[in-house]
Amino acid sequence: MGDDRPRIRRAGPDDAPVLARLRFAFRVELGDAIEPEDAFVARCAPWMAERLSGDGPWRCWVAEDEGGIVGHAWVQLLEKVPNPVDEREHHAYVTNCYVVPA
């Protein structure tokens, strides 16, 4: 009997086109699109690829099965002003969490 759980991994720049399409699907579930999907993907994928290509503040993890990416979660690391007390100086903003409904 095989393991049918999705595999979790950190996303890279090559995942950007699929992630942009999933972002479109996620958001149009909540409201009417103001631009066609292809135009959105053309605008969003480069933005995502750039942020996934370095060691900047953005991270994304994906869940994938045999058919490809089925879910994702984005995190932006936020730096705080230095602090002289025992309090973290970074926060994580978790956003754009989505799993394909099927």
Protein backbone atom coordinates (compact mmCIF):
# COMPACT_ATOMS: atom_id res chain seq x y z
CA MET A 1 0.00 0.00 0.00
CA GLY A 2 1.53 3.33 -1.09
CA ASP A 3 1.75 6.59 0.78
CA ASP A 4 -0.74 8.98 -0.80
CA ARG A 5 0.12 11.99 1.36
CA PRO A 6 1.38 15.07 -0.50
CA ARG A 7 5.08 15.87 -0.32
CA ILE A 8 5.97 19.25 1.23
CA ARG A 9 8.93 21.21 -0.13
CA ARG A 10 10.17 24.76 -0.43
CA ALA A 11 9.12 26.40 -3.68
CA GLY A 12 11.62 27.78 -6.18
CA PRO A 13 11.47 30.21 -9.09
CA ASP A 14 10.50 27.46 -11.56
CA ASP A 15 7.26 26.95 -9.58
CA ALA A 16 6.12 30.54 -10.17
CA PRO A 17 3.81 29.93 -13.18
CA VAL A 18 1.89 27.18 -11.35
CA LEU A 19 1.79 29.22 -8.15
CA ALA A 20 0.45 32.23 -10.07
CA ARG A 21 -2.36 30.09 -11.54
CA LEU A 22 -3.19 28.76 -8.09
CA ARG A 23 -3.22 32.33 -6.74
CA PHE A 24 -5.71 33.25 -9.47
CA ALA A 25 -7.91 30.24 -8.66
CA PHE A 26 -7.79 31.06 -4.96
CA ARG A 27 -8.77 34.69 -5.35
CA VAL A 28 -11.54 34.22 -7.93
CA GLU A 29 -13.24 31.85 -5.47
CA LEU A 30 -13.70 34.99 -3.33
CA GLY A 31 -14.71 37.53 -5.99
CA ASP A 32 -14.89 38.41 -9.66
CA ALA A 33 -11.56 38.74 -11.49
CA ILE A 34 -10.72 42.17 -12.90
CA GLU A 35 -8.29 40.74 -15.46
CA PRO A 36 -8.08 37.52 -17.50
CA GLU A 37 -6.17 34.60 -15.99
CA ASP A 38 -3.39 34.67 -18.61
CA ALA A 39 -2.80 38.40 -18.05
CA PHE A 40 -2.69 37.88 -14.28
CA VAL A 41 -0.26 34.96 -14.58
CA ALA A 42 1.97 37.02 -16.92
CA ARG A 43 2.09 39.75 -14.27
CA CYS A 44 2.23 37.60 -11.14
CA ALA A 45 4.66 34.80 -12.13
CA PRO A 46 7.69 37.11 -12.60
CA TRP A 47 6.94 38.76 -9.25
CA MET A 48 6.84 35.34 -7.59
CA ALA A 49 9.92 34.01 -9.41
CA GLU A 50 11.97 37.02 -8.34
CA ARG A 51 10.99 36.60 -4.70
CA LEU A 52 11.63 32.85 -4.75
CA SER A 53 15.05 33.16 -6.39
CA GLY A 54 17.02 34.77 -3.58
CA ASP A 55 17.33 34.82 0.14
CA GLY A 56 14.99 37.77 0.63
CA PRO A 57 12.10 37.97 3.06
CA TRP A 58 9.66 35.81 1.04
CA ARG A 59 9.34 32.02 1.33
CA CYS A 60 6.80 29.60 -0.08
CA TRP A 61 6.19 25.94 0.64
CA VAL A 62 4.19 23.70 -1.64
CA ALA A 63 2.33 20.43 -1.22
CA GLU A 64 2.49 18.21 -4.26
CA ASP A 65 1.26 14.80 -5.30
CA GLU A 66 1.79 12.78 -8.46
CA GLY A 67 -0.17 15.38 -10.46
CA GLY A 68 1.86 18.38 -9.31
CA ILE A 69 1.37 21.20 -6.83
CA VAL A 70 -1.93 20.94 -4.94
CA GLY A 71 -1.40 23.56 -2.26
CA HIS A 72 0.90 26.28 -0.99
CA ALA A 73 1.61 28.69 1.86
CA TRP A 74 3.57 31.93 1.55
CA VAL A 75 5.48 33.58 4.41
CA GLN A 76 7.10 37.00 4.51
CA LEU A 77 9.71 37.54 7.22
CA LEU A 78 9.29 40.95 8.85
CA GLU A 79 12.14 42.62 10.65
CA LYS A 80 11.41 44.68 13.76
CA VAL A 81 13.37 47.58 15.18
CA PRO A 82 16.17 46.25 17.43
CA ASN A 83 14.98 45.53 20.95
CA PRO A 84 16.96 45.53 24.24
CA VAL A 85 14.66 43.01 25.95
CA ASP A 86 13.98 39.31 25.46
CA GLU A 87 11.63 39.69 22.50
CA ARG A 88 12.06 38.38 18.98
CA GLU A 89 13.16 40.90 16.38
CA HIS A 90 11.52 39.08 13.48
CA HIS A 91 7.94 38.09 12.76
CA ALA A 92 6.46 35.86 10.08
CA TYR A 93 3.49 37.05 8.05
CA VAL A 94 1.69 33.93 6.80
CA THR A 95 -0.38 34.63 3.69
CA ASN A 96 -1.82 33.13 0.53
CA CYS A 97 -2.50 29.66 1.95
CA TYR A 98 -4.45 27.58 -0.54
CA VAL A 99 -5.24 23.93 -1.27
CA VAL A 100 -6.93 22.82 -4.50
CA PRO A 101 -10.49 21.95 -3.42
CA ALA A 102 -10.47 18.51 -5.04
